[in-house]
Amino acid sequence: MIPNPTTVLLLFFGASTLILIMLLPALLELKKPKDAGPRKIMEENIIPSQRFKPFEATFLANLEKEISKPDQTIIKRVADIIAFLPNLET
């Protein structure tokens, strides 16, 4: 059965309009982006005398010290949960 030419035209223009409406915001954003993109925030806050100090390594070392001190309440809760797990089988 050959479809009606009007139906084919409506289907074609309807699909084209739907695709255009879906992609229009993305196309407009590509032409005129609102955001300048990712920026390096750390470089803006550095004092000129500290520019050549290895601040990244210091920050990572401090972060490792903070992580190595676990919270005792969390450890106790995890231990209680692990101790309770074998009781689930009975």
C-alpha atoms as a PDB file:
ATOM      1  CA  MET A   1       0.000   0.000   0.000  1.00  0.00           C
ATOM      2  CA  ILE A   2       1.403   3.367  -1.065  1.00  0.00           C
ATOM      3  CA  PRO A   3       0.982   6.040   1.631  1.00  0.00           C
ATOM      4  CA  ASN A   4      -0.763   9.291   0.938  1.00  0.00           C
ATOM      5  CA  PRO A   5       1.714  12.025  -0.222  1.00  0.00           C
ATOM      6  CA  THR A   6       0.322  14.397   2.385  1.00  0.00           C
ATOM      7  CA  THR A   7       1.069  11.889   5.145  1.00  0.00           C
ATOM      8  CA  VAL A   8       4.633  11.453   3.913  1.00  0.00           C
ATOM      9  CA  LEU A   9       5.158  15.231   3.842  1.00  0.00           C
ATOM     10  CA  LEU A  10       3.673  15.674   7.319  1.00  0.00           C
ATOM     11  CA  LEU A  11       5.850  12.877   8.680  1.00  0.00           C
ATOM     12  CA  PHE A  12       8.986  14.327   7.062  1.00  0.00           C
ATOM     13  CA  PHE A  13       8.385  17.905   8.236  1.00  0.00           C
ATOM     14  CA  GLY A  14       7.244  16.744  11.672  1.00  0.00           C
ATOM     15  CA  ALA A  15      10.405  14.700  12.206  1.00  0.00           C
ATOM     16  CA  SER A  16      12.563  17.548  10.866  1.00  0.00           C
ATOM     17  CA  THR A  17      10.885  20.061  13.178  1.00  0.00           C
ATOM     18  CA  LEU A  18      11.292  17.770  16.175  1.00  0.00           C
ATOM     19  CA  ILE A  19      14.988  17.268  15.474  1.00  0.00           C
ATOM     20  CA  LEU A  20      15.490  21.011  14.951  1.00  0.00           C
ATOM     21  CA  ILE A  21      13.715  21.865  18.210  1.00  0.00           C
ATOM     22  CA  MET A  22      15.775  19.274  20.095  1.00  0.00           C
ATOM     23  CA  LEU A  23      19.118  20.444  18.678  1.00  0.00           C
ATOM     24  CA  LEU A  24      18.483  24.203  18.527  1.00  0.00           C
ATOM     25  CA  PRO A  25      19.683  25.004  22.088  1.00  0.00           C
ATOM     26  CA  ALA A  26      22.903  23.053  21.537  1.00  0.00           C
ATOM     27  CA  LEU A  27      23.557  24.774  18.219  1.00  0.00           C
ATOM     28  CA  LEU A  28      22.964  28.215  19.707  1.00  0.00           C
ATOM     29  CA  GLU A  29      25.237  27.428  22.666  1.00  0.00           C
ATOM     30  CA  LEU A  30      28.019  26.355  20.299  1.00  0.00           C
ATOM     31  CA  LYS A  31      27.795  29.635  18.391  1.00  0.00           C
ATOM     32  CA  LYS A  32      27.711  31.903  21.465  1.00  0.00           C
ATOM     33  CA  PRO A  33      28.881  30.053  24.590  1.00  0.00           C
ATOM     34  CA  LYS A  34      27.851  31.624  27.903  1.00  0.00           C
ATOM     35  CA  ASP A  35      30.783  30.156  29.834  1.00  0.00           C
ATOM     36  CA  ALA A  36      34.412  30.810  28.973  1.00  0.00           C
ATOM     37  CA  GLY A  37      35.281  27.233  29.849  1.00  0.00           C
ATOM     38  CA  PRO A  38      37.412  25.694  32.579  1.00  0.00           C
ATOM     39  CA  ARG A  39      39.833  27.963  34.358  1.00  0.00           C
ATOM     40  CA  LYS A  40      42.838  27.374  36.557  1.00  0.00           C
ATOM     41  CA  ILE A  41      41.656  28.867  39.827  1.00  0.00           C
ATOM     42  CA  MET A  42      44.789  28.010  41.810  1.00  0.00           C
ATOM     43  CA  GLU A  43      47.044  30.152  39.619  1.00  0.00           C
ATOM     44  CA  GLU A  44      44.932  33.252  40.237  1.00  0.00           C
ATOM     45  CA  ASN A  45      45.325  33.001  44.023  1.00  0.00           C
ATOM     46  CA  ILE A  46      49.090  32.456  44.140  1.00  0.00           C
ATOM     47  CA  ILE A  47      51.234  35.247  45.584  1.00  0.00           C
ATOM     48  CA  PRO A  48      54.109  36.085  43.169  1.00  0.00           C
ATOM     49  CA  SER A  49      56.751  35.194  45.785  1.00  0.00           C
ATOM     50  CA  GLN A  50      55.194  31.741  46.185  1.00  0.00           C
ATOM     51  CA  ARG A  51      54.884  31.053  42.480  1.00  0.00           C
ATOM     52  CA  PHE A  52      57.812  28.616  42.339  1.00  0.00           C
ATOM     53  CA  LYS A  53      57.090  26.707  45.571  1.00  0.00           C
ATOM     54  CA  PRO A  54      55.747  23.178  45.183  1.00  0.00           C
ATOM     55  CA  PHE A  55      52.355  23.965  46.714  1.00  0.00           C
ATOM     56  CA  GLU A  56      50.723  20.964  45.070  1.00  0.00           C
ATOM     57  CA  ALA A  57      53.030  18.486  46.825  1.00  0.00           C
ATOM     58  CA  THR A  58      52.478  20.202  50.166  1.00  0.00           C
ATOM     59  CA  PHE A  59      48.721  20.062  49.693  1.00  0.00           C
ATOM     60  CA  LEU A  60      48.832  16.371  48.814  1.00  0.00           C
ATOM     61  CA  ALA A  61      51.026  15.610  51.823  1.00  0.00           C
ATOM     62  CA  ASN A  62      48.587  17.414  54.131  1.00  0.00           C
ATOM     63  CA  LEU A  63      45.687  15.554  52.568  1.00  0.00           C
ATOM     64  CA  GLU A  64      47.365  12.197  53.194  1.00  0.00           C
ATOM     65  CA  LYS A  65      47.875  13.070  56.870  1.00  0.00           C
ATOM     66  CA  GLU A  66      44.224  14.023  57.243  1.00  0.00           C
ATOM     67  CA  ILE A  67      43.026  10.828  55.602  1.00  0.00           C
ATOM     68  CA  SER A  68      45.347   8.637  57.677  1.00  0.00           C
ATOM     69  CA  LYS A  69      43.574   9.749  60.880  1.00  0.00           C
ATOM     70  CA  PRO A  70      40.357   7.718  60.684  1.00  0.00           C
ATOM     71  CA  ASP A  71      37.332   8.669  62.682  1.00  0.00           C
ATOM     72  CA  GLN A  72      36.865   6.214  65.539  1.00  0.00           C
ATOM     73  CA  THR A  73      33.073   6.340  65.390  1.00  0.00           C
ATOM     74  CA  ILE A  74      33.052   5.246  61.756  1.00  0.00           C
ATOM     75  CA  ILE A  75      35.436   2.381  62.497  1.00  0.00           C
ATOM     76  CA  LYS A  76      33.238   1.242  65.394  1.00  0.00           C
ATOM     77  CA  ARG A  77      30.094   1.347  63.235  1.00  0.00           C
ATOM     78  CA  VAL A  78      31.770  -0.642  60.457  1.00  0.00           C
ATOM     79  CA  ALA A  79      33.022  -3.202  62.994  1.00  0.00           C
ATOM     80  CA  ASP A  80      29.499  -3.548  64.408  1.00  0.00           C
ATOM     81  CA  ILE A  81      28.070  -4.103  60.928  1.00  0.00           C
ATOM     82  CA  ILE A  82      30.706  -6.722  60.101  1.00  0.00           C
ATOM     83  CA  ALA A  83      30.063  -8.473  63.414  1.00  0.00           C
ATOM     84  CA  PHE A  84      26.316  -8.548  62.656  1.00  0.00           C
ATOM     85  CA  LEU A  85      26.649 -10.026  59.138  1.00  0.00           C
ATOM     86  CA  PRO A  86      27.191 -13.697  60.184  1.00  0.00           C
ATOM     87  CA  ASN A  87      23.961 -13.519  62.229  1.00  0.00           C
ATOM     88  CA  LEU A  88      21.955 -12.882  59.056  1.00  0.00           C
ATOM     89  CA  GLU A  89      22.389 -16.490  57.919  1.00  0.00           C
ATOM     90  CA  THR A  90      20.540 -17.890  60.930  1.00  0.00           C
END
